[in-house]
Amino acid sequence: MLDRDSPQVNEPGFGHLSFQVPDIHSTRAETIAAGGNQLGEITDFGTPDKPHLIIYLRDPEGNILELEQPFSQDAN
């Protein structure tokens, strides 16, 4: 395997991978426990009555992940 710098959003190829998750807090914790790291804070891009949570992380291989937890009627 060749060493390479961590991927950047503005480079050719995948800038990041995005996943919709049911529980952003537990998925964040699992990613970090597996060797990933957090790039920002959990941010709410929704409304007070319909939150849409998003966070960016790096997985253990350095790939940028965007996790999204959209509002769910089932969660309320």
C-alpha atoms as a PDB file:
ATOM      1  CA  MET A   1       0.000   0.000   0.000  1.00  0.00           C
ATOM      2  CA  LEU A   2       1.156   3.515  -0.772  1.00  0.00           C
ATOM      3  CA  ASP A   3       1.076   6.314   1.770  1.00  0.00           C
ATOM      4  CA  ARG A   4      -1.001   9.306   0.746  1.00  0.00           C
ATOM      5  CA  ASP A   5      -2.202  12.514   2.285  1.00  0.00           C
ATOM      6  CA  SER A   6      -5.721  12.663   3.685  1.00  0.00           C
ATOM      7  CA  PRO A   7      -8.340  13.278   0.971  1.00  0.00           C
ATOM      8  CA  GLN A   8      -9.603  16.836   0.588  1.00  0.00           C
ATOM      9  CA  VAL A   9     -13.056  17.942  -0.507  1.00  0.00           C
ATOM     10  CA  ASN A  10     -11.753  19.900  -3.537  1.00  0.00           C
ATOM     11  CA  GLU A  11      -9.617  17.112  -5.073  1.00  0.00           C
ATOM     12  CA  PRO A  12     -10.502  14.794  -7.970  1.00  0.00           C
ATOM     13  CA  GLY A  13     -12.350  11.648  -6.967  1.00  0.00           C
ATOM     14  CA  PHE A  14     -14.687  11.317  -4.046  1.00  0.00           C
ATOM     15  CA  GLY A  15     -14.700  14.485  -1.944  1.00  0.00           C
ATOM     16  CA  HIS A  16     -16.724  12.779   0.726  1.00  0.00           C
ATOM     17  CA  LEU A  17     -19.306  10.085   1.274  1.00  0.00           C
ATOM     18  CA  SER A  18     -22.690  10.924   2.767  1.00  0.00           C
ATOM     19  CA  PHE A  19     -24.862   8.563   4.807  1.00  0.00           C
ATOM     20  CA  GLN A  20     -28.295   8.962   6.334  1.00  0.00           C
ATOM     21  CA  VAL A  21     -28.275   7.443   9.834  1.00  0.00           C
ATOM     22  CA  PRO A  22     -31.022   6.858  12.421  1.00  0.00           C
ATOM     23  CA  ASP A  23     -28.882   8.034  15.383  1.00  0.00           C
ATOM     24  CA  ILE A  24     -26.125  10.524  14.554  1.00  0.00           C
ATOM     25  CA  HIS A  25     -24.742  10.553  18.107  1.00  0.00           C
ATOM     26  CA  SER A  26     -24.156   6.795  18.305  1.00  0.00           C
ATOM     27  CA  THR A  27     -22.803   6.595  14.738  1.00  0.00           C
ATOM     28  CA  ARG A  28     -20.380   9.439  15.535  1.00  0.00           C
ATOM     29  CA  ALA A  29     -19.209   7.619  18.683  1.00  0.00           C
ATOM     30  CA  GLU A  30     -18.799   4.304  16.818  1.00  0.00           C
ATOM     31  CA  THR A  31     -16.763   5.991  14.047  1.00  0.00           C
ATOM     32  CA  ILE A  32     -14.422   7.633  16.560  1.00  0.00           C
ATOM     33  CA  ALA A  33     -14.083   4.398  18.579  1.00  0.00           C
ATOM     34  CA  ALA A  34     -13.035   2.618  15.356  1.00  0.00           C
ATOM     35  CA  GLY A  35     -10.210   5.137  14.780  1.00  0.00           C
ATOM     36  CA  GLY A  36     -11.967   7.974  12.955  1.00  0.00           C
ATOM     37  CA  ASN A  37     -12.017  11.597  14.070  1.00  0.00           C
ATOM     38  CA  GLN A  38     -14.490  14.445  14.174  1.00  0.00           C
ATOM     39  CA  LEU A  39     -14.088  17.385  11.755  1.00  0.00           C
ATOM     40  CA  GLY A  40     -16.834  19.613  13.117  1.00  0.00           C
ATOM     41  CA  GLU A  41     -19.742  19.783  15.476  1.00  0.00           C
ATOM     42  CA  ILE A  42     -23.204  18.314  15.001  1.00  0.00           C
ATOM     43  CA  THR A  43     -25.201  21.092  13.332  1.00  0.00           C
ATOM     44  CA  ASP A  44     -28.959  21.385  12.900  1.00  0.00           C
ATOM     45  CA  PHE A  45     -29.924  22.454   9.360  1.00  0.00           C
ATOM     46  CA  GLY A  46     -33.618  21.873   9.999  1.00  0.00           C
ATOM     47  CA  THR A  47     -36.197  23.774  11.990  1.00  0.00           C
ATOM     48  CA  PRO A  48     -37.063  23.570  15.700  1.00  0.00           C
ATOM     49  CA  ASP A  49     -39.996  21.259  14.943  1.00  0.00           C
ATOM     50  CA  LYS A  50     -38.192  19.244  12.223  1.00  0.00           C
ATOM     51  CA  PRO A  51     -34.459  18.968  13.021  1.00  0.00           C
ATOM     52  CA  HIS A  52     -32.022  17.754  10.349  1.00  0.00           C
ATOM     53  CA  LEU A  53     -28.678  16.998  11.999  1.00  0.00           C
ATOM     54  CA  ILE A  54     -25.390  16.881  10.063  1.00  0.00           C
ATOM     55  CA  ILE A  55     -21.757  16.249  11.039  1.00  0.00           C
ATOM     56  CA  TYR A  56     -18.492  15.671   9.158  1.00  0.00           C
ATOM     57  CA  LEU A  57     -15.985  13.034  10.290  1.00  0.00           C
ATOM     58  CA  ARG A  58     -13.015  11.147   8.922  1.00  0.00           C
ATOM     59  CA  ASP A  59     -13.213   7.372   8.916  1.00  0.00           C
ATOM     60  CA  PRO A  60     -10.192   5.318  10.091  1.00  0.00           C
ATOM     61  CA  GLU A  61      -8.753   5.437   6.533  1.00  0.00           C
ATOM     62  CA  GLY A  62      -9.011   9.238   6.362  1.00  0.00           C
ATOM     63  CA  ASN A  63     -12.053   9.435   4.073  1.00  0.00           C
ATOM     64  CA  ILE A  64     -14.441  12.304   4.800  1.00  0.00           C
ATOM     65  CA  LEU A  65     -17.891  11.188   5.922  1.00  0.00           C
ATOM     66  CA  GLU A  66     -20.999  13.332   6.115  1.00  0.00           C
ATOM     67  CA  LEU A  67     -23.589  11.878   8.463  1.00  0.00           C
ATOM     68  CA  GLU A  68     -27.159  13.124   8.266  1.00  0.00           C
ATOM     69  CA  GLN A  69     -30.029  12.413  10.631  1.00  0.00           C
ATOM     70  CA  PRO A  70     -33.183  13.866   9.094  1.00  0.00           C
ATOM     71  CA  PHE A  71     -36.353  14.505  11.053  1.00  0.00           C
ATOM     72  CA  SER A  72     -38.375  11.372  11.624  1.00  0.00           C
ATOM     73  CA  GLN A  73     -41.992  11.198  12.764  1.00  0.00           C
ATOM     74  CA  ASP A  74     -41.118   7.795  14.292  1.00  0.00           C
ATOM     75  CA  ALA A  75     -38.528   9.375  16.628  1.00  0.00           C
ATOM     76  CA  ASN A  76     -41.152  11.608  18.278  1.00  0.00           C
END
